[in-house]
Amino acid sequence: MSVQQTLVLIKPDGLAKSLTGNILTELSGTGLIVVGAKIVQVTRELAEEHYQHLREEKFFDELIRYIMGEFHVKRILALVYHGENAIASVREVVGATNPEQAHPSSIRGKFGRITTKGVFENVVHASENQKEAEREIKLWFRPHELIQAIYAVESKKVTKTESFWKDESKKK
């Protein structure tokens, strides 16, 4: 057994159908802990990098448009789960990629569907293996966004402009 981290994305169809609570409840049964969570509006660049391994597939552009929210809502919920055998535990609860092949008690089996146009609306993404989990977590999160990181971190001095909430109390 090994301590792992894995990425879970609640995709735009999962958010549009208000399934977030149901999905989080199912995932809580794994006993893993959430060490990172954020809402993301997915850019084309992020989507293409995330699905780089499917770039040659004929459905690639449709997949990119799907994860960017063009068919539902323009946001996803990105989560990092941490614990013993996190990847296998999450993938068991999530189920097969094809909702029709997923066990009926899995997340994708319960909530996923294939549209009449053949689009897999499988509600969630879960990292496939340790190599992909590390690549995906590093793509979607920065070290400071996780309360616990298992990958090596380095510090670099950078200059950047940040946004802050405007202090409206100083208006006269």
N, C-alpha and C. Protein backbone atom coordinates (compact mmCIF):
# COMPACT_ATOMS: atom_id res chain seq x y z
N MET A 1 0.85 -1.18 0.00
CA MET A 1 0.00 0.00 0.00
C MET A 1 0.89 1.24 0.00
N SER A 2 0.44 2.25 -0.72
CA SER A 2 1.22 3.48 -0.78
C SER A 2 0.31 4.70 -0.71
N VAL A 3 0.85 5.76 -0.13
CA VAL A 3 0.12 7.02 -0.08
C VAL A 3 0.22 7.66 -1.45
N GLN A 4 -0.92 8.04 -1.98
CA GLN A 4 -1.00 8.63 -3.31
C GLN A 4 -1.91 9.85 -3.28
N GLN A 5 -1.80 10.63 -4.34
CA GLN A 5 -2.77 11.69 -4.59
C GLN A 5 -3.33 11.48 -5.98
N THR A 6 -4.58 11.87 -6.17
CA THR A 6 -5.24 11.71 -7.46
C THR A 6 -6.13 12.90 -7.74
N LEU A 7 -6.24 13.21 -9.02
CA LEU A 7 -7.09 14.32 -9.44
C LEU A 7 -8.48 13.81 -9.76
N VAL A 8 -9.47 14.55 -9.30
CA VAL A 8 -10.87 14.29 -9.67
C VAL A 8 -11.42 15.61 -10.20
N LEU A 9 -12.06 15.55 -11.35
CA LEU A 9 -12.75 16.71 -11.90
C LEU A 9 -14.23 16.41 -11.96
N ILE A 10 -15.04 17.25 -11.35
CA ILE A 10 -16.49 17.16 -11.57
C ILE A 10 -16.73 18.04 -12.78
N LYS A 11 -17.10 17.39 -13.87
CA LYS A 11 -17.18 18.04 -15.18
C LYS A 11 -18.42 18.92 -15.29
N PRO A 12 -18.47 19.73 -16.36
CA PRO A 12 -19.59 20.66 -16.52
C PRO A 12 -20.97 20.02 -16.46
N ASP A 13 -21.13 18.81 -16.98
CA ASP A 13 -22.45 18.17 -16.91
C ASP A 13 -22.80 17.79 -15.48
N GLY A 14 -21.81 17.42 -14.68
CA GLY A 14 -22.06 17.12 -13.27
C GLY A 14 -22.50 18.35 -12.50
N LEU A 15 -21.89 19.49 -12.80
CA LEU A 15 -22.28 20.74 -12.15
C LEU A 15 -23.64 21.21 -12.63
N ALA A 16 -23.88 21.11 -13.94
CA ALA A 16 -25.16 21.56 -14.50
C ALA A 16 -26.33 20.76 -13.93
N LYS A 17 -26.09 19.49 -13.61
CA LYS A 17 -27.15 18.62 -13.08
C LYS A 17 -27.19 18.65 -11.55
N SER A 18 -26.42 19.55 -10.94
CA SER A 18 -26.36 19.69 -9.47
C SER A 18 -26.01 18.37 -8.78
N LEU A 19 -25.02 17.67 -9.30
CA LEU A 19 -24.62 16.37 -8.75
C LEU A 19 -23.42 16.45 -7.81
N THR A 20 -22.92 17.65 -7.55
CA THR A 20 -21.71 17.81 -6.75
C THR A 20 -21.84 17.11 -5.39
N GLY A 21 -22.92 17.35 -4.68
CA GLY A 21 -23.12 16.73 -3.37
C GLY A 21 -23.15 15.21 -3.46
N ASN A 22 -23.88 14.68 -4.44
CA ASN A 22 -23.95 13.24 -4.63
C ASN A 22 -22.57 12.64 -4.89
N ILE A 23 -21.80 13.30 -5.76
CA ILE A 23 -20.48 12.80 -6.12
C ILE A 23 -19.54 12.86 -4.92
N LEU A 24 -19.55 13.97 -4.19
CA LEU A 24 -18.69 14.08 -3.01
C LEU A 24 -19.06 13.05 -1.95
N THR A 25 -20.35 12.77 -1.81
CA THR A 25 -20.79 11.74 -0.86
C THR A 25 -20.24 10.38 -1.25
N GLU A 26 -20.34 10.05 -2.53
CA GLU A 26 -19.81 8.76 -3.01
C GLU A 26 -18.30 8.68 -2.76
N LEU A 27 -17.58 9.75 -3.06
CA LEU A 27 -16.13 9.75 -2.89
C LEU A 27 -15.72 9.71 -1.42
N SER A 28 -16.56 10.24 -0.54
CA SER A 28 -16.22 10.23 0.89
C SER A 28 -16.16 8.81 1.44
N GLY A 29 -16.84 7.89 0.79
CA GLY A 29 -16.80 6.48 1.20
C GLY A 29 -15.44 5.84 1.03
N THR A 30 -14.54 6.49 0.30
CA THR A 30 -13.19 5.94 0.10
C THR A 30 -12.32 6.13 1.34
N GLY A 31 -12.69 7.06 2.22
CA GLY A 31 -11.88 7.35 3.39
C GLY A 31 -10.69 8.25 3.09
N LEU A 32 -10.59 8.72 1.85
CA LEU A 32 -9.51 9.63 1.47
C LEU A 32 -9.84 11.04 1.93
N ILE A 33 -8.82 11.90 1.96
CA ILE A 33 -9.07 13.28 2.35
C ILE A 33 -8.85 14.20 1.15
N VAL A 34 -9.60 15.27 1.11
CA VAL A 34 -9.43 16.29 0.07
C VAL A 34 -8.33 17.23 0.53
N VAL A 35 -7.30 17.38 -0.30
CA VAL A 35 -6.20 18.29 0.05
C VAL A 35 -6.15 19.51 -0.87
N GLY A 36 -7.06 19.55 -1.85
CA GLY A 36 -7.15 20.69 -2.74
C GLY A 36 -8.49 20.70 -3.43
N ALA A 37 -9.05 21.89 -3.61
CA ALA A 37 -10.34 22.02 -4.30
C ALA A 37 -10.46 23.44 -4.84
N LYS A 38 -10.97 23.55 -6.07
CA LYS A 38 -11.22 24.87 -6.63
C LYS A 38 -12.13 24.76 -7.84
N ILE A 39 -12.86 25.84 -8.08
CA ILE A 39 -13.68 25.97 -9.29
C ILE A 39 -12.78 26.55 -10.38
N VAL A 40 -12.85 25.96 -11.56
CA VAL A 40 -12.00 26.40 -12.67
C VAL A 40 -12.84 26.62 -13.91
N GLN A 41 -12.60 27.74 -14.57
CA GLN A 41 -13.15 27.95 -15.91
C GLN A 41 -12.05 27.48 -16.86
N VAL A 42 -12.29 26.39 -17.55
CA VAL A 42 -11.26 25.71 -18.33
C VAL A 42 -11.00 26.44 -19.65
N THR A 43 -9.74 26.78 -19.86
CA THR A 43 -9.32 27.38 -21.12
C THR A 43 -9.05 26.28 -22.14
N ARG A 44 -9.02 26.65 -23.40
CA ARG A 44 -8.69 25.68 -24.45
C ARG A 44 -7.29 25.10 -24.20
N GLU A 45 -6.35 25.95 -23.81
CA GLU A 45 -4.98 25.50 -23.56
C GLU A 45 -4.94 24.43 -22.45
N LEU A 46 -5.63 24.68 -21.35
CA LEU A 46 -5.67 23.72 -20.25
C LEU A 46 -6.35 22.43 -20.70
N ALA A 47 -7.46 22.54 -21.40
CA ALA A 47 -8.19 21.36 -21.87
C ALA A 47 -7.32 20.51 -22.80
N GLU A 48 -6.65 21.16 -23.74
CA GLU A 48 -5.81 20.42 -24.69
C GLU A 48 -4.62 19.77 -24.00
N GLU A 49 -4.05 20.44 -23.02
CA GLU A 49 -2.94 19.85 -22.27
C GLU A 49 -3.43 18.67 -21.43
N HIS A 50 -4.59 18.82 -20.82
CA HIS A 50 -5.14 17.74 -20.00
C HIS A 50 -5.40 16.48 -20.84
N TYR A 51 -5.97 16.66 -22.02
CA TYR A 51 -6.32 15.53 -22.89
C TYR A 51 -5.30 15.32 -24.01
N GLN A 52 -4.05 15.69 -23.79
CA GLN A 52 -3.01 15.56 -24.81
C GLN A 52 -2.90 14.15 -25.39
N HIS A 53 -3.13 13.14 -24.59
CA HIS A 53 -3.02 11.75 -25.05
C HIS A 53 -4.13 11.35 -26.03
N LEU A 54 -5.16 12.16 -26.15
CA LEU A 54 -6.28 11.87 -27.06
C LEU A 54 -6.28 12.81 -28.28
N ARG A 55 -5.21 13.56 -28.46
CA ARG A 55 -5.12 14.57 -29.51
C ARG A 55 -5.42 14.02 -30.91
N GLU A 56 -5.07 12.79 -31.19
CA GLU A 56 -5.27 12.21 -32.53
C GLU A 56 -6.65 11.59 -32.72
N GLU A 57 -7.46 11.54 -31.68
CA GLU A 57 -8.79 10.94 -31.79
C GLU A 57 -9.73 11.86 -32.54
N LYS A 58 -10.67 11.28 -33.28
CA LYS A 58 -11.60 12.08 -34.07
C LYS A 58 -12.55 12.91 -33.20
N PHE A 59 -12.75 12.50 -31.96
CA PHE A 59 -13.65 13.21 -31.04
C PHE A 59 -12.92 14.26 -30.20
N PHE A 60 -11.64 14.51 -30.47
CA PHE A 60 -10.83 15.40 -29.64
C PHE A 60 -11.44 16.80 -29.49
N ASP A 61 -11.82 17.42 -30.59
CA ASP A 61 -12.36 18.78 -30.51
C ASP A 61 -13.65 18.82 -29.70
N GLU A 62 -14.50 17.83 -29.90
CA GLU A 62 -15.75 17.77 -29.14
C GLU A 62 -15.46 17.58 -27.65
N LEU A 63 -14.46 16.76 -27.32
CA LEU A 63 -14.06 16.54 -25.94
C LEU A 63 -13.56 17.83 -25.31
N ILE A 64 -12.79 18.60 -26.06
CA ILE A 64 -12.26 19.87 -25.58
C ILE A 64 -13.41 20.84 -25.32
N ARG A 65 -14.34 20.92 -26.25
CA ARG A 65 -15.49 21.82 -26.08
C ARG A 65 -16.35 21.38 -24.88
N TYR A 66 -16.48 20.08 -24.67
CA TYR A 66 -17.24 19.53 -23.54
C TYR A 66 -16.62 19.95 -22.20
N ILE A 67 -15.30 19.74 -22.04
CA ILE A 67 -14.66 20.05 -20.76
C ILE A 67 -14.59 21.57 -20.54
N MET A 68 -14.61 22.34 -21.63
CA MET A 68 -14.62 23.80 -21.50
C MET A 68 -16.01 24.32 -21.14
N GLY A 69 -17.01 23.46 -21.21
CA GLY A 69 -18.35 23.85 -20.78
C GLY A 69 -19.25 24.38 -21.87
N GLU A 70 -18.89 24.16 -23.12
CA GLU A 70 -19.72 24.70 -24.21
C GLU A 70 -21.10 24.04 -24.30
N PHE A 71 -21.29 22.88 -23.72
CA PHE A 71 -22.57 22.18 -23.78
C PHE A 71 -23.38 22.33 -22.49
N HIS A 72 -22.75 22.79 -21.40
CA HIS A 72 -23.44 22.84 -20.10
C HIS A 72 -23.18 24.15 -19.39
N VAL A 73 -22.21 24.14 -18.48
CA VAL A 73 -21.78 25.35 -17.76
C VAL A 73 -20.28 25.49 -17.95
N LYS A 74 -19.79 26.70 -17.90
CA LYS A 74 -18.38 26.96 -18.18
C LYS A 74 -17.53 26.92 -16.92
N ARG A 75 -17.61 25.79 -16.20
CA ARG A 75 -16.78 25.61 -15.01
C ARG A 75 -16.73 24.13 -14.63
N ILE A 76 -15.70 23.78 -13.92
CA ILE A 76 -15.58 22.45 -13.34
C ILE A 76 -15.12 22.61 -11.89
N LEU A 77 -15.27 21.56 -11.10
CA LEU A 77 -14.74 21.53 -9.75
C LEU A 77 -13.57 20.56 -9.77
N ALA A 78 -12.36 21.09 -9.51
CA ALA A 78 -11.15 20.28 -9.48
C ALA A 78 -10.82 19.94 -8.03
N LEU A 79 -10.52 18.67 -7.78
CA LEU A 79 -10.24 18.19 -6.43
C LEU A 79 -8.99 17.31 -6.45
N VAL A 80 -8.24 17.33 -5.37
CA VAL A 80 -7.14 16.39 -5.18
C VAL A 80 -7.44 15.59 -3.92
N TYR A 81 -7.51 14.28 -4.09
CA TYR A 81 -7.72 13.36 -2.96
C TYR A 81 -6.39 12.74 -2.58
N HIS A 82 -6.20 12.46 -1.29
CA HIS A 82 -4.94 11.99 -0.73
C HIS A 82 -5.21 10.81 0.21
N GLY A 83 -4.37 9.78 0.10
CA GLY A 83 -4.46 8.66 1.03
C GLY A 83 -3.92 7.37 0.44
N GLU A 84 -4.08 6.30 1.20
CA GLU A 84 -3.62 4.98 0.78
C GLU A 84 -4.35 4.54 -0.49
N ASN A 85 -3.57 4.17 -1.51
CA ASN A 85 -4.12 3.67 -2.78
C ASN A 85 -5.24 4.56 -3.32
N ALA A 86 -5.01 5.85 -3.27
CA ALA A 86 -6.03 6.84 -3.67
C ALA A 86 -6.53 6.62 -5.10
N ILE A 87 -5.62 6.32 -6.02
CA ILE A 87 -6.01 6.21 -7.43
C ILE A 87 -6.99 5.07 -7.65
N ALA A 88 -6.65 3.89 -7.18
CA ALA A 88 -7.53 2.72 -7.35
C ALA A 88 -8.83 2.91 -6.60
N SER A 89 -8.77 3.48 -5.40
CA SER A 89 -9.99 3.69 -4.60
C SER A 89 -10.96 4.61 -5.32
N VAL A 90 -10.46 5.71 -5.85
CA VAL A 90 -11.32 6.66 -6.56
C VAL A 90 -11.85 6.05 -7.85
N ARG A 91 -10.99 5.38 -8.59
CA ARG A 91 -11.43 4.81 -9.87
C ARG A 91 -12.50 3.74 -9.67
N GLU A 92 -12.44 3.02 -8.57
CA GLU A 92 -13.47 2.01 -8.29
C GLU A 92 -14.83 2.68 -8.05
N VAL A 93 -14.83 3.77 -7.31
CA VAL A 93 -16.08 4.49 -7.01
C VAL A 93 -16.61 5.20 -8.25
N VAL A 94 -15.70 5.70 -9.09
CA VAL A 94 -16.08 6.46 -10.29
C VAL A 94 -16.66 5.54 -11.36
N GLY A 95 -16.06 4.39 -11.59
CA GLY A 95 -16.56 3.46 -12.60
C GLY A 95 -15.93 3.67 -13.97
N ALA A 96 -16.31 2.83 -14.90
CA ALA A 96 -15.75 2.85 -16.26
C ALA A 96 -16.05 4.17 -16.98
N THR A 97 -15.16 4.55 -17.88
CA THR A 97 -15.31 5.80 -18.64
C THR A 97 -16.62 5.84 -19.40
N ASN A 98 -16.98 4.75 -20.04
CA ASN A 98 -18.24 4.66 -20.78
C ASN A 98 -19.36 4.42 -19.77
N PRO A 99 -20.28 5.36 -19.62
CA PRO A 99 -21.34 5.21 -18.61
C PRO A 99 -22.18 3.95 -18.79
N GLU A 100 -22.31 3.47 -20.02
CA GLU A 100 -23.10 2.25 -20.26
C GLU A 100 -22.36 1.00 -19.81
N GLN A 101 -21.03 1.09 -19.67
CA GLN A 101 -20.23 -0.04 -19.21
C GLN A 101 -19.88 0.06 -17.73
N ALA A 102 -20.18 1.20 -17.14
CA ALA A 102 -19.88 1.42 -15.72
C ALA A 102 -20.86 0.65 -14.85
N HIS A 103 -20.38 0.13 -13.72
CA HIS A 103 -21.26 -0.58 -12.79
C HIS A 103 -22.38 0.38 -12.36
N PRO A 104 -23.61 -0.11 -12.29
CA PRO A 104 -24.75 0.76 -11.96
C PRO A 104 -24.62 1.50 -10.63
N SER A 105 -23.82 0.98 -9.70
CA SER A 105 -23.67 1.66 -8.41
C SER A 105 -22.52 2.68 -8.41
N SER A 106 -21.75 2.75 -9.50
CA SER A 106 -20.65 3.72 -9.59
C SER A 106 -21.20 5.10 -9.94
N ILE A 107 -20.37 6.12 -9.78
CA ILE A 107 -20.78 7.49 -10.10
C ILE A 107 -21.20 7.59 -11.56
N ARG A 108 -20.37 7.10 -12.45
CA ARG A 108 -20.69 7.18 -13.87
C ARG A 108 -21.87 6.28 -14.24
N GLY A 109 -22.00 5.16 -13.57
CA GLY A 109 -23.14 4.27 -13.81
C GLY A 109 -24.46 4.90 -13.39
N LYS A 110 -24.43 5.64 -12.29
CA LYS A 110 -25.65 6.29 -11.78
C LYS A 110 -26.00 7.56 -12.54
N PHE A 111 -24.97 8.38 -12.82
CA PHE A 111 -25.23 9.74 -13.28
C PHE A 111 -24.79 10.04 -14.72
N GLY A 112 -23.99 9.16 -15.31
CA GLY A 112 -23.50 9.41 -16.66
C GLY A 112 -24.50 9.00 -17.72
N ARG A 113 -24.24 9.43 -18.95
CA ARG A 113 -25.08 9.05 -20.09
C ARG A 113 -24.30 9.28 -21.37
N ILE A 114 -24.77 8.68 -22.43
CA ILE A 114 -24.25 8.96 -23.76
C ILE A 114 -25.37 9.66 -24.50
N THR A 115 -25.08 10.85 -25.01
CA THR A 115 -26.13 11.62 -25.68
C THR A 115 -26.49 10.99 -27.02
N THR A 116 -27.57 11.46 -27.60
CA THR A 116 -27.99 10.95 -28.90
C THR A 116 -26.96 11.26 -29.98
N LYS A 117 -26.08 12.24 -29.71
CA LYS A 117 -25.00 12.57 -30.65
C LYS A 117 -23.74 11.76 -30.35
N GLY A 118 -23.81 10.87 -29.35
CA GLY A 118 -22.67 10.01 -29.03
C GLY A 118 -21.65 10.59 -28.08
N VAL A 119 -21.98 11.72 -27.44
CA VAL A 119 -21.05 12.34 -26.49
C VAL A 119 -21.15 11.62 -25.14
N PHE A 120 -20.00 11.22 -24.61
CA PHE A 120 -19.96 10.62 -23.27
C PHE A 120 -20.08 11.74 -22.24
N GLU A 121 -21.19 11.83 -21.57
CA GLU A 121 -21.33 12.73 -20.43
C GLU A 121 -21.13 11.87 -19.20
N ASN A 122 -19.87 11.72 -18.80
CA ASN A 122 -19.58 10.79 -17.72
C ASN A 122 -19.32 11.48 -16.38
N VAL A 123 -19.68 12.73 -16.27
CA VAL A 123 -19.81 13.48 -15.02
C VAL A 123 -18.49 13.79 -14.32
N VAL A 124 -17.54 12.86 -14.31
CA VAL A 124 -16.28 13.06 -13.59
C VAL A 124 -15.09 12.56 -14.38
N HIS A 125 -13.94 13.08 -14.03
CA HIS A 125 -12.66 12.56 -14.49
C HIS A 125 -11.91 12.09 -13.26
N ALA A 126 -11.18 10.99 -13.37
CA ALA A 126 -10.31 10.52 -12.30
C ALA A 126 -9.00 10.05 -12.93
N SER A 127 -7.89 10.42 -12.32
CA SER A 127 -6.58 10.03 -12.84
C SER A 127 -6.49 8.52 -13.01
N GLU A 128 -5.84 8.12 -14.09
CA GLU A 128 -5.77 6.71 -14.47
C GLU A 128 -4.69 5.93 -13.72
N ASN A 129 -3.54 6.57 -13.46
CA ASN A 129 -2.43 5.89 -12.80
C ASN A 129 -1.55 6.94 -12.12
N GLN A 130 -0.48 6.49 -11.45
CA GLN A 130 0.36 7.42 -10.68
C GLN A 130 1.03 8.46 -11.57
N LYS A 131 1.53 8.06 -12.72
CA LYS A 131 2.20 9.00 -13.62
C LYS A 131 1.22 10.07 -14.08
N GLU A 132 0.02 9.66 -14.49
CA GLU A 132 -0.98 10.62 -14.95
C GLU A 132 -1.48 11.49 -13.79
N ALA A 133 -1.63 10.91 -12.61
CA ALA A 133 -2.08 11.69 -11.45
C ALA A 133 -1.10 12.83 -11.17
N GLU A 134 0.18 12.53 -11.18
CA GLU A 134 1.18 13.58 -10.92
C GLU A 134 1.13 14.65 -12.01
N ARG A 135 1.08 14.23 -13.28
CA ARG A 135 1.02 15.18 -14.39
C ARG A 135 -0.22 16.07 -14.28
N GLU A 136 -1.37 15.45 -14.01
CA GLU A 136 -2.63 16.20 -13.94
C GLU A 136 -2.70 17.13 -12.74
N ILE A 137 -2.26 16.66 -11.59
CA ILE A 137 -2.28 17.51 -10.39
C ILE A 137 -1.39 18.74 -10.61
N LYS A 138 -0.21 18.52 -11.19
CA LYS A 138 0.70 19.64 -11.45
C LYS A 138 0.16 20.57 -12.53
N LEU A 139 -0.69 20.07 -13.40
CA LEU A 139 -1.31 20.90 -14.44
C LEU A 139 -2.44 21.76 -13.86
N TRP A 140 -3.25 21.20 -12.98
CA TRP A 140 -4.44 21.87 -12.47
C TRP A 140 -4.20 22.66 -11.19
N PHE A 141 -3.16 22.34 -10.42
CA PHE A 141 -2.92 22.99 -9.13
C PHE A 141 -1.47 23.45 -9.01
N ARG A 142 -1.25 24.49 -8.22
CA ARG A 142 0.08 24.92 -7.81
C ARG A 142 0.29 24.39 -6.39
N PRO A 143 1.55 24.20 -5.98
CA PRO A 143 1.81 23.62 -4.66
C PRO A 143 1.09 24.33 -3.51
N HIS A 144 1.01 25.67 -3.56
CA HIS A 144 0.38 26.42 -2.47
C HIS A 144 -1.14 26.22 -2.42
N GLU A 145 -1.72 25.60 -3.44
CA GLU A 145 -3.16 25.36 -3.45
C GLU A 145 -3.53 24.02 -2.79
N LEU A 146 -2.53 23.24 -2.40
CA LEU A 146 -2.76 21.96 -1.73
C LEU A 146 -2.33 22.08 -0.28
N ILE A 147 -3.11 21.52 0.62
CA ILE A 147 -2.71 21.57 2.03
C ILE A 147 -1.66 20.52 2.34
N GLN A 148 -1.50 19.55 1.44
CA GLN A 148 -0.47 18.53 1.58
C GLN A 148 -0.05 18.10 0.18
N ALA A 149 1.23 18.17 -0.10
CA ALA A 149 1.74 17.78 -1.41
C ALA A 149 2.73 16.64 -1.25
N ILE A 150 2.71 15.70 -2.17
CA ILE A 150 3.64 14.57 -2.09
C ILE A 150 4.73 14.65 -3.16
N TYR A 151 4.69 15.67 -3.99
CA TYR A 151 5.68 15.84 -5.05
C TYR A 151 6.69 16.91 -4.62
N ALA A 152 7.89 16.80 -5.16
CA ALA A 152 8.95 17.75 -4.82
C ALA A 152 8.54 19.17 -5.23
N VAL A 153 8.90 20.11 -4.38
CA VAL A 153 8.55 21.52 -4.60
C VAL A 153 9.84 22.33 -4.53
N GLU A 154 9.93 23.35 -5.36
CA GLU A 154 11.04 24.29 -5.28
C GLU A 154 10.48 25.70 -5.19
N SER A 155 11.27 26.59 -4.66
CA SER A 155 10.86 27.99 -4.55
C SER A 155 11.63 28.81 -5.57
N LYS A 156 10.93 29.75 -6.17
CA LYS A 156 11.54 30.67 -7.13
C LYS A 156 11.01 32.06 -6.83
N LYS A 157 11.87 33.04 -6.98
CA LYS A 157 11.43 34.41 -6.80
C LYS A 157 10.80 34.87 -8.11
N VAL A 158 9.56 35.36 -8.04
CA VAL A 158 8.87 35.84 -9.22
C VAL A 158 8.27 37.21 -8.92
N THR A 159 8.12 37.99 -9.95
CA THR A 159 7.45 39.27 -9.82
C THR A 159 6.15 39.16 -10.59
N LYS A 160 5.06 39.47 -9.92
CA LYS A 160 3.77 39.38 -10.59
C LYS A 160 2.81 40.39 -9.99
N THR A 161 1.78 40.67 -10.74
CA THR A 161 0.72 41.55 -10.27
C THR A 161 -0.44 40.68 -9.82
N GLU A 162 -0.95 40.95 -8.66
CA GLU A 162 -2.08 40.21 -8.12
C GLU A 162 -3.27 41.13 -7.93
N SER A 163 -4.46 40.55 -7.97
CA SER A 163 -5.68 41.30 -7.70
C SER A 163 -6.05 41.15 -6.23
N PHE A 164 -6.56 42.22 -5.66
CA PHE A 164 -7.03 42.22 -4.28
C PHE A 164 -8.43 42.81 -4.25
N TRP A 165 -9.17 42.48 -3.20
CA TRP A 165 -10.50 43.08 -3.04
C TRP A 165 -10.32 44.56 -2.77
N LYS A 166 -11.08 45.36 -3.42
CA LYS A 166 -11.02 46.80 -3.27
C LYS A 166 -11.64 47.17 -1.92
N ASP A 167 -10.96 48.05 -1.19
CA ASP A 167 -11.46 48.50 0.11
C ASP A 167 -12.43 49.66 -0.12
N GLU A 168 -13.70 49.35 -0.15
CA GLU A 168 -14.75 50.35 -0.41
C GLU A 168 -15.01 51.23 0.81
N SER A 169 -14.51 50.83 1.99
CA SER A 169 -14.75 51.62 3.19
C SER A 169 -14.00 52.94 3.17
N LYS A 170 -13.01 53.09 2.28
CA LYS A 170 -12.22 54.32 2.23
C LYS A 170 -12.84 55.35 1.29
N LYS A 171 -13.95 55.01 0.65
CA LYS A 171 -14.64 55.98 -0.21
C LYS A 171 -15.33 57.04 0.64
N LYS A 172 -15.35 58.26 0.15
CA LYS A 172 -16.02 59.35 0.91
C LYS A 172 -17.16 59.87 0.13
